[in-house]
Amino acid sequence: MNAPFIKLLVWVASSLKDLREFPEAVKDEVGFALYEAQCGLKPLDAKPLKGFGGANVLEIVSDYQTDTYRAVYTVRFDERVYVLHAFQKKSKKGRATSQSDIELIKRRLRQAEALHEAWQKEQGAVNESRGEKHEI
């Protein structure tokens, strides 16, 4: 029996540093949800983030005491899961993500796309040096 393929987790910008500031219970919940995403599963706590055209950008919402914490990631790429943003929701009105957070997520998604493209080129160069040919 083959072991499941676990995608590499890539932290974009300050997302890991920001997550480390969360309470332990929230870090555990978010960490497990990200592990599920790495295994190709959709975590129960994750839902598509509105405004990103589909289910490629998801957010994990964790309520702890009177606060709400969110982590946003993308599964747009087959080999990797990119964590784009981790933050404590500040507004007490509604459940919508603030426009400034949405803009930050969009910038970091573009960063993730560039990182992934660079990684693919690097992989292609490594494979060519080994005499391997793979179509992307």
Protein backbone atom coordinates (compact mmCIF):
# COMPACT_ATOMS: atom_id res chain seq x y z
CA MET A 1 0.00 0.00 0.00
CA ASN A 2 1.38 3.39 -0.97
CA ALA A 3 1.68 6.20 1.56
CA PRO A 4 -0.50 9.21 0.76
CA PHE A 5 1.15 12.04 -1.14
CA ILE A 6 1.53 15.01 1.18
CA LYS A 7 1.91 18.35 -0.53
CA LEU A 8 4.57 20.74 0.66
CA LEU A 9 3.27 23.63 2.78
CA VAL A 10 4.67 27.02 1.73
CA TRP A 11 4.24 30.09 3.94
CA VAL A 12 3.94 33.34 2.00
CA ALA A 13 5.33 36.55 3.54
CA SER A 14 4.52 36.85 7.27
CA SER A 15 1.79 34.19 7.37
CA LEU A 16 3.77 31.77 9.57
CA LYS A 17 4.92 34.52 11.92
CA ASP A 18 1.33 35.76 12.19
CA LEU A 19 -0.03 32.27 12.87
CA ARG A 20 2.50 31.80 15.67
CA GLU A 21 0.82 34.70 17.50
CA PHE A 22 -2.50 32.79 17.72
CA PRO A 23 -3.61 31.02 20.91
CA GLU A 24 -2.42 27.39 21.16
CA ALA A 25 -5.91 25.93 20.60
CA VAL A 26 -6.32 27.97 17.41
CA LYS A 27 -2.84 26.98 16.16
CA ASP A 28 -3.75 23.32 16.71
CA GLU A 29 -7.04 23.68 14.82
CA VAL A 30 -5.50 25.61 11.91
CA GLY A 31 -2.49 23.29 11.80
CA PHE A 32 -4.67 20.19 11.52
CA ALA A 33 -6.83 21.80 8.82
CA LEU A 34 -3.70 22.70 6.83
CA TYR A 35 -2.44 19.12 7.22
CA GLU A 36 -5.74 17.88 5.77
CA ALA A 37 -5.28 20.26 2.83
CA GLN A 38 -1.74 18.92 2.34
CA CYS A 39 -3.24 15.42 2.11
CA GLY A 40 -5.64 16.57 -0.61
CA LEU A 41 -8.67 16.74 1.68
CA LYS A 42 -11.02 19.66 2.26
CA PRO A 43 -10.99 20.47 5.96
CA LEU A 44 -14.39 20.77 7.63
CA ASP A 45 -13.38 24.18 8.96
CA ALA A 46 -12.46 25.51 5.49
CA LYS A 47 -14.71 27.32 3.06
CA PRO A 48 -14.05 29.08 -0.25
CA LEU A 49 -13.17 32.74 0.21
CA LYS A 50 -15.62 34.92 -1.69
CA GLY A 51 -14.26 37.03 -4.51
CA PHE A 52 -11.62 34.55 -5.70
CA GLY A 53 -13.68 32.72 -8.31
CA GLY A 54 -14.15 29.21 -7.02
CA ALA A 55 -12.73 26.87 -4.44
CA ASN A 56 -9.01 27.46 -5.05
CA VAL A 57 -8.62 30.00 -2.24
CA LEU A 58 -10.01 28.85 1.09
CA GLU A 59 -10.20 30.21 4.58
CA ILE A 60 -10.15 28.39 7.87
CA VAL A 61 -12.22 30.15 10.52
CA SER A 62 -11.54 29.45 14.18
CA ASP A 63 -13.53 31.01 17.00
CA TYR A 64 -11.73 31.16 20.32
CA GLN A 65 -13.29 32.71 23.41
CA THR A 66 -14.66 36.01 22.03
CA ASP A 67 -12.25 36.31 19.08
CA THR A 68 -12.23 34.99 15.52
CA TYR A 69 -9.04 33.90 13.77
CA ARG A 70 -8.61 33.16 10.08
CA ALA A 71 -6.01 31.51 7.92
CA VAL A 72 -6.24 31.74 4.13
CA TYR A 73 -4.55 29.31 1.76
CA THR A 74 -4.67 28.21 -1.85
CA VAL A 75 -4.82 24.75 -3.38
CA ARG A 76 -4.53 26.13 -6.90
CA PHE A 77 -1.28 24.23 -7.44
CA ASP A 78 -1.09 20.43 -7.52
CA GLU A 79 2.18 19.95 -5.65
CA ARG A 80 1.98 22.62 -2.95
CA VAL A 81 -0.35 24.37 -0.52
CA TYR A 82 0.45 28.07 -0.11
CA VAL A 83 -0.62 29.80 3.11
CA LEU A 84 -1.39 33.37 2.10
CA HIS A 85 -2.51 35.11 5.30
CA ALA A 86 -3.26 34.47 8.97
CA PHE A 87 -5.03 37.11 11.01
CA GLN A 88 -7.37 37.90 13.86
CA LYS A 89 -10.63 39.39 12.65
CA LYS A 90 -10.91 42.88 14.11
CA SER A 91 -14.40 44.01 13.11
CA LYS A 92 -17.26 43.02 15.36
CA LYS A 93 -19.76 43.81 12.59
CA GLY A 94 -20.65 40.98 10.23
CA ARG A 95 -18.54 38.03 9.09
CA ALA A 96 -17.06 39.58 5.96
CA THR A 97 -13.30 39.82 5.55
CA SER A 98 -12.10 43.44 5.46
CA GLN A 99 -11.19 44.97 2.11
CA SER A 100 -7.61 45.57 3.29
CA ASP A 101 -7.25 41.87 4.12
CA ILE A 102 -8.75 40.91 0.73
CA GLU A 103 -6.22 43.16 -1.05
CA LEU A 104 -3.36 41.65 0.97
CA ILE A 105 -4.57 38.14 0.09
CA LYS A 106 -4.68 39.08 -3.61
CA ARG A 107 -1.10 40.40 -3.47
CA ARG A 108 0.09 37.28 -1.69
CA LEU A 109 -1.72 35.05 -4.18
CA ARG A 110 0.27 36.77 -6.94
CA GLN A 111 3.43 36.14 -4.87
CA ALA A 112 2.49 32.46 -4.54
CA GLU A 113 1.97 32.23 -8.30
CA ALA A 114 5.43 33.70 -8.90
CA LEU A 115 7.02 31.40 -6.30
CA HIS A 116 5.35 28.38 -7.84
CA GLU A 117 6.40 29.32 -11.36
CA ALA A 118 10.01 29.78 -10.21
CA TRP A 119 9.89 26.42 -8.42
CA GLN A 120 8.54 24.69 -11.55
CA LYS A 121 11.32 26.20 -13.67
CA GLU A 122 13.87 25.05 -11.12
CA GLN A 123 12.39 21.54 -11.17
CA GLY A 124 12.48 21.53 -14.97
CA ALA A 125 16.15 22.50 -14.96
CA VAL A 126 16.97 19.77 -12.42
CA ASN A 127 15.09 17.16 -14.46
CA GLU A 128 16.79 18.25 -17.70
CA SER A 129 20.22 17.99 -16.06
CA ARG A 130 19.31 14.39 -15.17
CA GLY A 131 18.23 13.75 -18.75
CA GLU A 132 14.56 13.50 -17.78
CA LYS A 133 11.82 15.04 -19.91
CA HIS A 134 8.49 16.00 -18.35
CA GLU A 135 5.71 18.06 -19.85
CA ILE A 136 4.15 20.62 -17.52
